[in-house]
Amino acid sequence: MATHPEILWAQRSSETEEEKNLIYFTINVPDVQESTIKYELTPTTISFAAKAGNASKNIAEKDYEFKLDFYDEIVPEQSKKRINSRDISLILRKKSKKLEFWPRLTKEKLKIPFIKTDFSKWVDEDEQEGEALKPDDDFDPDMGGMGGMGGMPGMGGMGGMPGMGGMGGMPGMGGMGGMDIESMLANLKNQGGPSGAEGAEHDGEDDDDDDDDGPPPLEDA
């Protein structure tokens, strides 16, 4: 017989900003087998079924499922999901833009023991003004199928970046240290470089300039 998984939820609301008009919805299913996940999201309902556990690790397998009717409508096409080995996290976009919170998650006014408030995400209705939303870059916008998650390993292509290690070749410039400095200086002398006669003339000119800098001699009265 299937078991109801624990569901955590919190919400935000806004009359003007759609991205702040949402439901945080988390299905806790540790060791879920992603290949067994089945769920359907409509504007008024959500249904879910999956198997969790791992016999090879002596983790007992369990079947989970549930179906809920939402208090109000949501927009599946603008909702997002994220799956990991511990839970399935959804961000559901509310259809109606209202400042008021939903009074509850479900259409029926019933106490459902497996639905709980997510206090890690919850804020009171009068405290949400100016609050920054949590980043959702790791959520998949495609609610239509679970197979899209397989594309994520493609990020491994970034591993090509270590090719930049080729820049390490720059230390090869240190090879200049192997050049004979004395030979270079000798060549410069032979070519009339700064270390040769011209250099000496420069030094002499500098000395003359130094002499000119002083005040003129006083004449005898």
N, C-alpha and C. Protein backbone atom coordinates (compact mmCIF):
# COMPACT_ATOMS: atom_id res chain seq x y z
N MET A 1 0.84 -1.20 0.00
CA MET A 1 0.00 0.00 0.00
C MET A 1 0.87 1.25 0.00
N ALA A 2 0.53 2.21 -0.84
CA ALA A 2 1.34 3.43 -0.96
C ALA A 2 1.17 4.32 0.26
N THR A 3 2.25 5.05 0.57
CA THR A 3 2.28 5.97 1.71
C THR A 3 2.26 7.40 1.22
N HIS A 4 1.67 8.30 2.00
CA HIS A 4 1.73 9.72 1.66
C HIS A 4 3.09 10.27 2.07
N PRO A 5 3.80 10.93 1.17
CA PRO A 5 5.06 11.57 1.57
C PRO A 5 4.77 12.85 2.34
N GLU A 6 5.76 13.31 3.08
CA GLU A 6 5.62 14.59 3.78
C GLU A 6 5.70 15.73 2.76
N ILE A 7 4.78 16.68 2.89
CA ILE A 7 4.75 17.84 2.00
C ILE A 7 4.95 19.09 2.85
N LEU A 8 5.90 19.93 2.45
CA LEU A 8 6.15 21.21 3.11
C LEU A 8 5.77 22.33 2.15
N TRP A 9 5.17 23.39 2.68
CA TRP A 9 4.80 24.49 1.77
C TRP A 9 4.90 25.84 2.47
N ALA A 10 5.13 26.86 1.63
CA ALA A 10 5.15 28.25 2.07
C ALA A 10 4.70 29.07 0.86
N GLN A 11 4.48 30.35 1.04
CA GLN A 11 3.98 31.15 -0.08
C GLN A 11 4.43 32.60 0.00
N ARG A 12 4.30 33.29 -1.14
CA ARG A 12 4.48 34.73 -1.25
C ARG A 12 3.30 35.25 -2.09
N SER A 13 3.02 36.54 -1.97
CA SER A 13 1.92 37.11 -2.74
C SER A 13 2.24 38.53 -3.15
N SER A 14 1.67 38.94 -4.28
CA SER A 14 1.90 40.29 -4.79
C SER A 14 0.79 40.65 -5.77
N GLU A 15 0.35 41.89 -5.72
CA GLU A 15 -0.67 42.37 -6.66
C GLU A 15 -0.07 42.76 -8.00
N THR A 16 1.23 43.06 -8.01
CA THR A 16 1.85 43.62 -9.21
C THR A 16 3.00 42.78 -9.77
N GLU A 17 3.74 42.06 -8.94
CA GLU A 17 4.91 41.33 -9.40
C GLU A 17 4.63 39.83 -9.46
N GLU A 18 4.54 39.29 -10.68
CA GLU A 18 4.21 37.88 -10.86
C GLU A 18 5.23 36.96 -10.20
N GLU A 19 6.52 37.34 -10.29
CA GLU A 19 7.57 36.46 -9.77
C GLU A 19 7.51 36.35 -8.24
N LYS A 20 6.75 37.23 -7.59
CA LYS A 20 6.60 37.16 -6.13
C LYS A 20 5.22 36.63 -5.74
N ASN A 21 4.53 36.02 -6.68
CA ASN A 21 3.20 35.50 -6.44
C ASN A 21 3.26 33.98 -6.59
N LEU A 22 3.71 33.28 -5.57
CA LEU A 22 4.06 31.87 -5.76
C LEU A 22 3.87 31.02 -4.52
N ILE A 23 3.97 29.69 -4.74
CA ILE A 23 3.90 28.69 -3.69
C ILE A 23 5.20 27.89 -3.71
N TYR A 24 5.86 27.75 -2.56
CA TYR A 24 6.98 26.82 -2.41
C TYR A 24 6.40 25.48 -1.95
N PHE A 25 6.67 24.44 -2.74
CA PHE A 25 6.03 23.13 -2.50
C PHE A 25 7.12 22.07 -2.55
N THR A 26 7.37 21.40 -1.41
CA THR A 26 8.44 20.40 -1.33
C THR A 26 7.87 19.04 -0.95
N ILE A 27 8.22 18.01 -1.73
CA ILE A 27 7.80 16.64 -1.46
C ILE A 27 9.02 15.90 -0.92
N ASN A 28 8.99 15.54 0.34
CA ASN A 28 10.12 14.85 0.97
C ASN A 28 10.04 13.34 0.70
N VAL A 29 10.95 12.86 -0.14
CA VAL A 29 11.02 11.42 -0.45
C VAL A 29 12.49 11.01 -0.51
N PRO A 30 13.13 10.79 0.64
CA PRO A 30 14.56 10.41 0.65
C PRO A 30 14.80 9.14 -0.16
N ASP A 31 15.91 9.14 -0.90
CA ASP A 31 16.32 8.00 -1.73
C ASP A 31 15.29 7.68 -2.80
N VAL A 32 14.66 8.72 -3.34
CA VAL A 32 13.68 8.50 -4.39
C VAL A 32 14.37 7.94 -5.64
N GLN A 33 13.71 7.03 -6.31
CA GLN A 33 14.21 6.48 -7.58
C GLN A 33 13.62 7.33 -8.70
N GLU A 34 14.45 8.18 -9.26
CA GLU A 34 13.97 9.17 -10.23
C GLU A 34 13.24 8.54 -11.41
N SER A 35 13.67 7.35 -11.81
CA SER A 35 13.04 6.71 -12.97
C SER A 35 11.59 6.30 -12.70
N THR A 36 11.19 6.27 -11.43
CA THR A 36 9.83 5.85 -11.09
C THR A 36 8.88 7.03 -10.85
N ILE A 37 9.42 8.25 -10.89
CA ILE A 37 8.59 9.41 -10.56
C ILE A 37 7.53 9.64 -11.65
N LYS A 38 6.31 9.81 -11.19
CA LYS A 38 5.20 10.17 -12.07
C LYS A 38 4.40 11.26 -11.37
N TYR A 39 4.22 12.36 -12.06
CA TYR A 39 3.36 13.37 -11.47
C TYR A 39 2.70 14.19 -12.59
N GLU A 40 1.60 14.78 -12.22
CA GLU A 40 0.87 15.62 -13.18
C GLU A 40 0.48 16.90 -12.47
N LEU A 41 0.75 18.02 -13.12
CA LEU A 41 0.42 19.32 -12.57
C LEU A 41 -0.58 20.00 -13.49
N THR A 42 -1.73 20.36 -12.96
CA THR A 42 -2.75 21.08 -13.72
C THR A 42 -3.01 22.40 -13.00
N PRO A 43 -3.81 23.28 -13.57
CA PRO A 43 -4.10 24.55 -12.88
C PRO A 43 -4.77 24.38 -11.52
N THR A 44 -5.42 23.25 -11.29
CA THR A 44 -6.15 23.08 -10.03
C THR A 44 -5.70 21.90 -9.19
N THR A 45 -4.85 21.01 -9.73
CA THR A 45 -4.48 19.81 -8.98
C THR A 45 -3.00 19.45 -9.17
N ILE A 46 -2.52 18.60 -8.27
CA ILE A 46 -1.22 17.97 -8.44
C ILE A 46 -1.34 16.52 -7.98
N SER A 47 -0.79 15.61 -8.78
CA SER A 47 -0.76 14.20 -8.40
C SER A 47 0.68 13.71 -8.53
N PHE A 48 1.05 12.76 -7.66
CA PHE A 48 2.43 12.32 -7.59
C PHE A 48 2.48 10.85 -7.17
N ALA A 49 3.43 10.11 -7.76
CA ALA A 49 3.70 8.73 -7.35
C ALA A 49 5.16 8.42 -7.64
N ALA A 50 5.78 7.66 -6.75
CA ALA A 50 7.19 7.29 -6.95
C ALA A 50 7.57 6.19 -5.98
N LYS A 51 8.69 5.54 -6.28
CA LYS A 51 9.25 4.52 -5.40
C LYS A 51 10.55 5.07 -4.82
N ALA A 52 10.76 4.82 -3.54
CA ALA A 52 11.98 5.27 -2.88
C ALA A 52 12.63 4.09 -2.17
N GLY A 53 13.94 4.22 -1.92
CA GLY A 53 14.67 3.15 -1.26
C GLY A 53 15.74 2.58 -2.17
N ASN A 54 16.60 1.75 -1.58
CA ASN A 54 17.69 1.16 -2.35
C ASN A 54 18.04 -0.19 -1.73
N ALA A 55 17.58 -1.25 -2.37
CA ALA A 55 17.80 -2.60 -1.82
C ALA A 55 19.28 -2.93 -1.71
N SER A 56 20.10 -2.45 -2.64
CA SER A 56 21.53 -2.76 -2.61
C SER A 56 22.23 -2.13 -1.41
N LYS A 57 21.62 -1.11 -0.81
CA LYS A 57 22.17 -0.46 0.37
C LYS A 57 21.35 -0.78 1.62
N ASN A 58 20.52 -1.79 1.50
CA ASN A 58 19.67 -2.22 2.62
C ASN A 58 18.72 -1.12 3.09
N ILE A 59 18.31 -0.24 2.15
CA ILE A 59 17.31 0.79 2.44
C ILE A 59 15.97 0.28 1.91
N ALA A 60 15.05 0.06 2.81
CA ALA A 60 13.77 -0.53 2.42
C ALA A 60 13.07 0.32 1.37
N GLU A 61 12.48 -0.35 0.37
CA GLU A 61 11.78 0.35 -0.69
C GLU A 61 10.34 0.62 -0.26
N LYS A 62 9.85 1.81 -0.63
CA LYS A 62 8.48 2.21 -0.32
C LYS A 62 7.85 2.87 -1.53
N ASP A 63 6.55 2.70 -1.65
CA ASP A 63 5.78 3.40 -2.68
C ASP A 63 5.10 4.61 -2.04
N TYR A 64 5.22 5.75 -2.72
CA TYR A 64 4.58 6.97 -2.25
C TYR A 64 3.63 7.50 -3.31
N GLU A 65 2.54 8.11 -2.86
CA GLU A 65 1.66 8.78 -3.80
C GLU A 65 0.70 9.71 -3.06
N PHE A 66 0.18 10.70 -3.81
CA PHE A 66 -0.86 11.58 -3.28
C PHE A 66 -1.50 12.32 -4.44
N LYS A 67 -2.64 12.94 -4.17
CA LYS A 67 -3.30 13.84 -5.12
C LYS A 67 -3.99 14.92 -4.31
N LEU A 68 -3.78 16.18 -4.72
CA LEU A 68 -4.35 17.31 -4.00
C LEU A 68 -5.05 18.27 -4.95
N ASP A 69 -6.09 18.90 -4.45
CA ASP A 69 -6.75 20.01 -5.16
C ASP A 69 -6.28 21.31 -4.51
N PHE A 70 -5.77 22.23 -5.32
CA PHE A 70 -5.27 23.49 -4.78
C PHE A 70 -6.41 24.40 -4.33
N TYR A 71 -6.09 25.28 -3.39
CA TYR A 71 -7.07 26.26 -2.93
C TYR A 71 -7.50 27.17 -4.08
N ASP A 72 -6.55 27.58 -4.90
CA ASP A 72 -6.83 28.44 -6.05
C ASP A 72 -5.99 27.96 -7.23
N GLU A 73 -6.14 28.58 -8.37
CA GLU A 73 -5.44 28.10 -9.57
C GLU A 73 -3.98 28.53 -9.59
N ILE A 74 -3.17 27.68 -10.23
CA ILE A 74 -1.77 27.99 -10.49
C ILE A 74 -1.53 27.93 -12.00
N VAL A 75 -0.32 28.33 -12.43
CA VAL A 75 0.02 28.33 -13.86
C VAL A 75 1.15 27.31 -14.07
N PRO A 76 0.83 26.09 -14.53
CA PRO A 76 1.88 25.05 -14.69
C PRO A 76 3.04 25.49 -15.58
N GLU A 77 2.72 26.21 -16.67
CA GLU A 77 3.75 26.59 -17.63
C GLU A 77 4.77 27.56 -17.03
N GLN A 78 4.43 28.25 -15.99
CA GLN A 78 5.35 29.20 -15.36
C GLN A 78 5.88 28.68 -14.03
N SER A 79 5.66 27.39 -13.78
CA SER A 79 6.15 26.77 -12.55
C SER A 79 7.47 26.06 -12.81
N LYS A 80 8.18 25.74 -11.73
CA LYS A 80 9.52 25.15 -11.87
C LYS A 80 9.68 23.97 -10.92
N LYS A 81 10.68 23.12 -11.23
CA LYS A 81 10.93 21.97 -10.37
C LYS A 81 12.43 21.73 -10.20
N ARG A 82 12.78 21.03 -9.12
CA ARG A 82 14.16 20.58 -8.90
C ARG A 82 14.09 19.24 -8.18
N ILE A 83 14.87 18.27 -8.69
CA ILE A 83 14.86 16.92 -8.12
C ILE A 83 16.24 16.57 -7.61
N ASN A 84 16.30 16.04 -6.39
CA ASN A 84 17.55 15.46 -5.90
C ASN A 84 17.22 14.18 -5.13
N SER A 85 18.20 13.61 -4.48
CA SER A 85 17.99 12.32 -3.82
C SER A 85 17.17 12.41 -2.55
N ARG A 86 16.88 13.62 -2.09
CA ARG A 86 16.13 13.79 -0.85
C ARG A 86 14.69 14.25 -1.06
N ASP A 87 14.47 15.07 -2.09
CA ASP A 87 13.13 15.64 -2.25
C ASP A 87 12.90 16.13 -3.68
N ILE A 88 11.66 16.46 -3.95
CA ILE A 88 11.27 17.15 -5.19
C ILE A 88 10.75 18.50 -4.76
N SER A 89 11.41 19.57 -5.21
CA SER A 89 11.01 20.93 -4.85
C SER A 89 10.34 21.59 -6.05
N LEU A 90 9.21 22.21 -5.81
CA LEU A 90 8.46 22.90 -6.86
C LEU A 90 8.27 24.36 -6.46
N ILE A 91 8.30 25.23 -7.44
CA ILE A 91 7.90 26.62 -7.26
C ILE A 91 6.70 26.83 -8.19
N LEU A 92 5.53 26.98 -7.59
CA LEU A 92 4.28 27.06 -8.35
C LEU A 92 3.85 28.52 -8.45
N ARG A 93 3.56 28.96 -9.66
CA ARG A 93 3.13 30.34 -9.87
C ARG A 93 1.61 30.45 -9.69
N LYS A 94 1.19 31.30 -8.78
CA LYS A 94 -0.24 31.55 -8.60
C LYS A 94 -0.81 32.28 -9.82
N LYS A 95 -2.03 31.95 -10.18
CA LYS A 95 -2.65 32.60 -11.34
C LYS A 95 -3.15 34.00 -10.99
N SER A 96 -3.79 34.11 -9.84
CA SER A 96 -4.37 35.40 -9.43
C SER A 96 -3.34 36.21 -8.66
N LYS A 97 -3.16 37.46 -9.11
CA LYS A 97 -2.23 38.35 -8.41
C LYS A 97 -3.00 39.07 -7.30
N LYS A 98 -2.73 38.66 -6.07
CA LYS A 98 -3.39 39.24 -4.91
C LYS A 98 -2.37 39.46 -3.80
N LEU A 99 -2.60 40.48 -3.02
CA LEU A 99 -1.72 40.74 -1.89
C LEU A 99 -1.96 39.75 -0.76
N GLU A 100 -3.20 39.27 -0.66
CA GLU A 100 -3.54 38.36 0.43
C GLU A 100 -3.00 36.96 0.17
N PHE A 101 -2.56 36.32 1.24
CA PHE A 101 -2.13 34.92 1.17
C PHE A 101 -3.33 34.00 0.96
N TRP A 102 -3.03 32.81 0.38
CA TRP A 102 -4.02 31.75 0.44
C TRP A 102 -4.22 31.38 1.91
N PRO A 103 -5.46 31.15 2.34
CA PRO A 103 -5.65 30.76 3.75
C PRO A 103 -5.17 29.34 4.04
N ARG A 104 -5.03 28.53 2.99
CA ARG A 104 -4.53 27.15 3.13
C ARG A 104 -4.07 26.68 1.75
N LEU A 105 -3.40 25.55 1.69
CA LEU A 105 -2.90 25.01 0.43
C LEU A 105 -3.99 24.32 -0.38
N THR A 106 -4.89 23.63 0.30
CA THR A 106 -5.87 22.77 -0.39
C THR A 106 -7.25 23.41 -0.46
N LYS A 107 -8.01 22.92 -1.43
CA LYS A 107 -9.37 23.42 -1.62
C LYS A 107 -10.25 23.09 -0.42
N GLU A 108 -10.13 21.84 0.07
CA GLU A 108 -10.93 21.42 1.21
C GLU A 108 -10.34 21.97 2.51
N LYS A 109 -11.21 22.42 3.38
CA LYS A 109 -10.77 22.93 4.67
C LYS A 109 -10.66 21.76 5.64
N LEU A 110 -9.58 21.01 5.47
CA LEU A 110 -9.36 19.81 6.27
C LEU A 110 -7.96 19.83 6.86
N LYS A 111 -7.80 19.18 7.99
CA LYS A 111 -6.48 19.01 8.59
C LYS A 111 -5.85 17.77 7.98
N ILE A 112 -4.82 17.98 7.14
CA ILE A 112 -4.15 16.86 6.47
C ILE A 112 -2.80 16.66 7.13
N PRO A 113 -2.60 15.56 7.83
CA PRO A 113 -1.40 15.39 8.67
C PRO A 113 -0.08 15.40 7.91
N PHE A 114 -0.05 15.01 6.64
CA PHE A 114 1.25 14.97 5.94
C PHE A 114 1.59 16.30 5.26
N ILE A 115 0.74 17.31 5.37
CA ILE A 115 1.02 18.65 4.84
C ILE A 115 1.40 19.56 6.00
N LYS A 116 2.61 20.15 5.90
CA LYS A 116 3.13 20.97 6.99
C LYS A 116 3.69 22.29 6.46
N THR A 117 3.75 23.27 7.33
CA THR A 117 4.33 24.57 6.97
C THR A 117 5.84 24.44 6.85
N ASP A 118 6.39 25.02 5.79
CA ASP A 118 7.85 25.04 5.61
C ASP A 118 8.38 26.32 6.27
N PHE A 119 8.76 26.20 7.53
CA PHE A 119 9.19 27.39 8.27
C PHE A 119 10.53 27.94 7.78
N SER A 120 11.29 27.15 7.03
CA SER A 120 12.55 27.66 6.48
C SER A 120 12.31 28.66 5.35
N LYS A 121 11.10 28.67 4.78
CA LYS A 121 10.78 29.59 3.68
C LYS A 121 9.63 30.54 4.03
N TRP A 122 8.95 30.28 5.12
CA TRP A 122 7.76 31.06 5.43
C TRP A 122 8.10 32.45 5.95
N VAL A 123 7.29 33.45 5.51
CA VAL A 123 7.28 34.78 6.11
C VAL A 123 5.81 35.16 6.29
N ASP A 124 5.54 36.00 7.26
CA ASP A 124 4.17 36.46 7.44
C ASP A 124 3.77 37.40 6.31
N GLU A 125 2.47 37.46 6.08
CA GLU A 125 1.97 38.27 4.97
C GLU A 125 2.41 39.72 5.06
N ASP A 126 2.45 40.27 6.25
CA ASP A 126 2.80 41.69 6.41
C ASP A 126 4.31 41.92 6.52
N GLU A 127 5.10 40.86 6.37
CA GLU A 127 6.55 40.99 6.45
C GLU A 127 7.25 40.70 5.13
N GLN A 128 6.48 40.44 4.08
CA GLN A 128 7.11 40.04 2.82
C GLN A 128 7.52 41.22 1.94
N GLU A 129 7.07 42.42 2.26
CA GLU A 129 7.41 43.59 1.47
C GLU A 129 8.92 43.83 1.52
N GLY A 130 9.55 43.94 0.35
CA GLY A 130 10.99 44.20 0.28
C GLY A 130 11.85 42.99 0.47
N GLU A 131 11.24 41.82 0.72
CA GLU A 131 12.03 40.60 0.93
C GLU A 131 12.53 40.07 -0.41
N ALA A 132 13.80 39.73 -0.48
CA ALA A 132 14.39 39.19 -1.72
C ALA A 132 14.03 37.71 -1.84
N LEU A 133 13.64 37.29 -3.04
CA LEU A 133 13.32 35.88 -3.27
C LEU A 133 14.59 35.05 -3.31
N LYS A 134 14.47 33.81 -2.92
CA LYS A 134 15.61 32.90 -2.96
C LYS A 134 15.96 32.58 -4.42
N PRO A 135 17.25 32.45 -4.75
CA PRO A 135 17.64 32.12 -6.13
C PRO A 135 17.01 30.80 -6.57
N ASP A 136 16.58 30.74 -7.83
CA ASP A 136 16.00 29.50 -8.36
C ASP A 136 16.68 29.05 -9.64
N ASP A 137 18.00 29.40 -9.76
CA ASP A 137 18.73 29.06 -10.98
C ASP A 137 18.86 27.55 -11.19
N ASP A 138 18.79 26.78 -10.10
CA ASP A 138 18.96 25.34 -10.24
C ASP A 138 17.62 24.62 -10.43
N PHE A 139 16.55 25.37 -10.70
CA PHE A 139 15.25 24.77 -10.98
C PHE A 139 15.05 24.64 -12.48
N ASP A 140 14.37 23.59 -12.88
CA ASP A 140 14.07 23.32 -14.28
C ASP A 140 12.70 23.91 -14.61
N PRO A 141 12.61 24.82 -15.58
CA PRO A 141 11.33 25.43 -15.91
C PRO A 141 10.37 24.50 -16.63
N ASP A 142 10.85 23.38 -17.14
CA ASP A 142 10.00 22.49 -17.93
C ASP A 142 9.25 21.53 -17.01
N MET A 143 7.97 21.76 -16.83
CA MET A 143 7.18 20.89 -15.96
C MET A 143 6.61 19.70 -16.72
N GLY A 144 6.86 19.62 -18.02
CA GLY A 144 6.21 18.59 -18.84
C GLY A 144 6.76 17.19 -18.67
N GLY A 145 8.03 17.02 -18.33
CA GLY A 145 8.60 15.67 -18.26
C GLY A 145 9.83 15.64 -17.40
N MET A 146 10.10 14.47 -16.85
CA MET A 146 11.24 14.35 -15.95
C MET A 146 12.54 14.11 -16.70
N GLY A 147 12.47 13.69 -17.95
CA GLY A 147 13.69 13.34 -18.69
C GLY A 147 14.60 14.52 -18.92
N GLY A 148 14.06 15.74 -18.87
CA GLY A 148 14.88 16.90 -19.12
C GLY A 148 16.03 17.04 -18.14
N MET A 149 15.90 16.43 -16.99
CA MET A 149 16.97 16.53 -16.01
C MET A 149 18.26 15.91 -16.50
N GLY A 150 18.17 14.98 -17.42
CA GLY A 150 19.36 14.31 -17.91
C GLY A 150 20.32 15.24 -18.61
N GLY A 151 19.84 16.40 -19.02
CA GLY A 151 20.72 17.33 -19.71
C GLY A 151 21.75 17.96 -18.80
N MET A 152 21.51 17.91 -17.52
CA MET A 152 22.41 18.60 -16.60
C MET A 152 23.85 18.10 -16.66
N PRO A 153 24.11 16.79 -16.83
CA PRO A 153 25.50 16.37 -16.90
C PRO A 153 26.29 17.05 -17.99
N GLY A 154 25.61 17.63 -18.98
CA GLY A 154 26.33 18.33 -20.03
C GLY A 154 27.20 19.44 -19.48
N MET A 155 26.85 19.90 -18.28
CA MET A 155 27.67 20.94 -17.68
C MET A 155 29.10 20.47 -17.48
N GLY A 156 29.29 19.17 -17.50
CA GLY A 156 30.64 18.65 -17.34
C GLY A 156 31.59 19.16 -18.41
N GLY A 157 31.03 19.65 -19.51
CA GLY A 157 31.86 20.18 -20.57
C GLY A 157 32.73 21.32 -20.09
N MET A 158 32.33 21.95 -19.01
CA MET A 158 33.14 23.03 -18.48
C MET A 158 34.52 22.54 -18.06
N GLY A 159 34.62 21.23 -17.92
CA GLY A 159 35.92 20.69 -17.56
C GLY A 159 37.00 21.06 -18.56
N GLY A 160 36.60 21.48 -19.75
CA GLY A 160 37.59 21.89 -20.74
C GLY A 160 38.39 23.10 -20.29
N MET A 161 37.85 23.82 -19.32
CA MET A 161 38.55 25.01 -18.86
C MET A 161 39.97 24.75 -18.38
N PRO A 162 40.24 23.57 -17.77
CA PRO A 162 41.64 23.35 -17.37
C PRO A 162 42.63 23.51 -18.50
N GLY A 163 42.16 23.52 -19.76
CA GLY A 163 43.07 23.77 -20.86
C GLY A 163 43.81 25.09 -20.71
N MET A 164 43.23 25.98 -19.92
CA MET A 164 43.90 27.24 -19.66
C MET A 164 45.24 27.03 -18.98
N GLY A 165 45.40 25.82 -18.45
CA GLY A 165 46.67 25.52 -17.82
C GLY A 165 47.85 25.73 -18.77
N GLY A 166 47.56 25.76 -20.06
CA GLY A 166 48.63 26.01 -21.03
C GLY A 166 49.33 27.33 -20.76
N MET A 167 48.63 28.23 -20.07
CA MET A 167 49.28 29.50 -19.76
C MET A 167 50.51 29.29 -18.90
N GLY A 168 50.53 28.10 -18.28
CA GLY A 168 51.71 27.81 -17.47
C GLY A 168 52.99 27.89 -18.27
N GLY A 169 52.87 27.86 -19.59
CA GLY A 169 54.06 27.96 -20.42
C GLY A 169 54.77 29.29 -20.27
N MET A 170 54.06 30.29 -19.75
CA MET A 170 54.67 31.60 -19.60
C MET A 170 55.93 31.57 -18.76
N PRO A 171 55.94 30.73 -17.70
CA PRO A 171 57.20 30.69 -16.95
C PRO A 171 58.42 30.38 -17.81
N GLY A 172 58.21 29.89 -19.03
CA GLY A 172 59.33 29.63 -19.92
C GLY A 172 60.16 30.89 -20.18
N MET A 173 59.55 32.07 -19.96
CA MET A 173 60.28 33.31 -20.13
C MET A 173 61.49 33.37 -19.21
N GLY A 174 61.35 32.56 -18.13
CA GLY A 174 62.49 32.52 -17.22
C GLY A 174 63.75 32.06 -17.92
N GLY A 175 63.65 31.47 -19.10
CA GLY A 175 64.80 31.00 -19.85
C GLY A 175 65.75 32.13 -20.22
N MET A 176 65.28 33.38 -20.19
CA MET A 176 66.16 34.49 -20.49
C MET A 176 67.33 34.55 -19.52
N GLY A 177 67.07 33.94 -18.32
CA GLY A 177 68.15 33.95 -17.35
C GLY A 177 69.38 33.20 -17.86
N GLY A 178 69.19 32.34 -18.85
CA GLY A 178 70.30 31.56 -19.36
C GLY A 178 71.20 32.37 -20.29
N MET A 179 70.83 33.58 -20.70
CA MET A 179 71.62 34.39 -21.61
C MET A 179 72.84 34.95 -20.87
N ASP A 180 73.98 35.10 -21.59
CA ASP A 180 75.22 35.60 -21.00
C ASP A 180 75.16 37.12 -20.93
N ILE A 181 74.90 37.67 -19.73
CA ILE A 181 74.76 39.11 -19.58
C ILE A 181 76.04 39.84 -19.94
N GLU A 182 77.19 39.26 -19.58
CA GLU A 182 78.47 39.91 -19.89
C GLU A 182 78.66 40.04 -21.40
N SER A 183 78.25 38.98 -22.16
CA SER A 183 78.37 39.06 -23.62
C SER A 183 77.49 40.15 -24.17
N MET A 184 76.30 40.31 -23.59
CA MET A 184 75.39 41.36 -24.06
C MET A 184 76.01 42.73 -23.85
N LEU A 185 76.59 42.92 -22.68
CA LEU A 185 77.20 44.22 -22.40
C LEU A 185 78.37 44.50 -23.33
N ALA A 186 79.16 43.43 -23.62
CA ALA A 186 80.31 43.61 -24.51
C ALA A 186 79.83 44.00 -25.90
N ASN A 187 78.76 43.35 -26.37
CA ASN A 187 78.23 43.68 -27.69
C ASN A 187 77.74 45.12 -27.74
N LEU A 188 77.09 45.55 -26.66
CA LEU A 188 76.59 46.92 -26.64
C LEU A 188 77.75 47.91 -26.70
N LYS A 189 78.87 47.60 -26.02
CA LYS A 189 80.03 48.49 -26.08
C LYS A 189 80.56 48.60 -27.49
N ASN A 190 80.68 47.44 -28.16
CA ASN A 190 81.20 47.44 -29.52
C ASN A 190 80.30 48.21 -30.47
N GLN A 191 78.97 48.25 -30.14
CA GLN A 191 78.03 48.93 -31.02
C GLN A 191 77.79 50.38 -30.60
N GLY A 192 78.57 50.85 -29.70
CA GLY A 192 78.41 52.24 -29.27
C GLY A 192 77.20 52.44 -28.41
N GLY A 193 76.78 51.42 -27.64
CA GLY A 193 75.60 51.51 -26.80
C GLY A 193 75.84 52.37 -25.60
N PRO A 194 74.85 52.46 -24.74
CA PRO A 194 74.93 53.31 -23.56
C PRO A 194 76.12 52.98 -22.68
N SER A 195 76.64 51.74 -22.77
CA SER A 195 77.79 51.40 -21.94
C SER A 195 79.10 51.80 -22.62
N GLY A 196 79.07 52.25 -23.89
CA GLY A 196 80.29 52.63 -24.62
C GLY A 196 80.57 54.11 -24.51
N ALA A 197 81.26 54.65 -25.60
CA ALA A 197 81.70 56.02 -25.58
C ALA A 197 80.53 56.97 -25.49
N GLU A 198 79.43 56.66 -26.24
CA GLU A 198 78.29 57.56 -26.22
C GLU A 198 77.74 57.66 -24.82
N GLY A 199 77.75 56.52 -24.12
CA GLY A 199 77.27 56.56 -22.75
C GLY A 199 78.12 57.47 -21.91
N ALA A 200 79.46 57.44 -22.17
CA ALA A 200 80.35 58.29 -21.40
C ALA A 200 80.06 59.74 -21.70
N GLU A 201 79.79 60.06 -23.01
CA GLU A 201 79.47 61.42 -23.37
C GLU A 201 78.22 61.88 -22.65
N HIS A 202 77.26 61.01 -22.59
CA HIS A 202 76.03 61.36 -21.87
C HIS A 202 76.33 61.71 -20.44
N ASP A 203 77.23 60.90 -19.83
CA ASP A 203 77.57 61.15 -18.44
C ASP A 203 78.22 62.50 -18.31
N GLY A 204 79.09 62.83 -19.31
CA GLY A 204 79.76 64.11 -19.26
C GLY A 204 78.79 65.25 -19.40
N GLU A 205 77.82 65.11 -20.30
CA GLU A 205 76.84 66.17 -20.50
C GLU A 205 76.06 66.38 -19.24
N ASP A 206 75.75 65.32 -18.55
CA ASP A 206 74.99 65.45 -17.32
C ASP A 206 75.78 66.23 -16.29
N ASP A 207 77.14 65.97 -16.29
CA ASP A 207 77.96 66.69 -15.34
C ASP A 207 77.96 68.17 -15.64
N ASP A 208 78.04 68.51 -16.98
CA ASP A 208 78.03 69.92 -17.37
C ASP A 208 76.75 70.58 -16.94
N ASP A 209 75.68 69.87 -17.12
CA ASP A 209 74.38 70.43 -16.74
C ASP A 209 74.36 70.73 -15.26
N ASP A 210 75.00 69.81 -14.47
CA ASP A 210 75.02 70.02 -13.03
C ASP A 210 75.77 71.30 -12.69
N ASP A 211 76.89 71.58 -13.45
CA ASP A 211 77.65 72.79 -13.19
C ASP A 211 76.84 74.02 -13.48
N ASP A 212 76.04 73.99 -14.56
CA ASP A 212 75.26 75.15 -14.97
C ASP A 212 74.15 75.46 -14.00
N ASP A 213 73.82 74.48 -13.19
CA ASP A 213 72.68 74.68 -12.30
C ASP A 213 73.01 75.64 -11.16
N GLY A 214 74.27 75.80 -10.83
CA GLY A 214 74.66 76.62 -9.69
C GLY A 214 74.54 78.12 -9.99
N PRO A 215 74.59 78.98 -9.00
CA PRO A 215 74.49 80.47 -9.22
C PRO A 215 75.77 80.99 -9.83
N PRO A 216 75.73 82.11 -10.61
CA PRO A 216 76.95 82.69 -11.22
C PRO A 216 77.89 83.20 -10.13
N PRO A 217 79.22 83.20 -10.39
CA PRO A 217 80.18 83.71 -9.37
C PRO A 217 79.98 85.20 -9.12
N LEU A 218 80.18 85.62 -7.89
CA LEU A 218 80.05 87.04 -7.56
C LEU A 218 81.27 87.80 -8.07
N GLU A 219 81.04 89.03 -8.56
CA GLU A 219 82.15 89.86 -9.03
C GLU A 219 82.71 90.63 -7.84
N ASP A 220 84.05 90.89 -7.92
CA ASP A 220 84.66 91.67 -6.84
C ASP A 220 84.16 93.10 -6.88
N ALA A 221 83.92 93.69 -5.75
CA ALA A 221 83.42 95.08 -5.69
C ALA A 221 84.53 96.04 -6.09
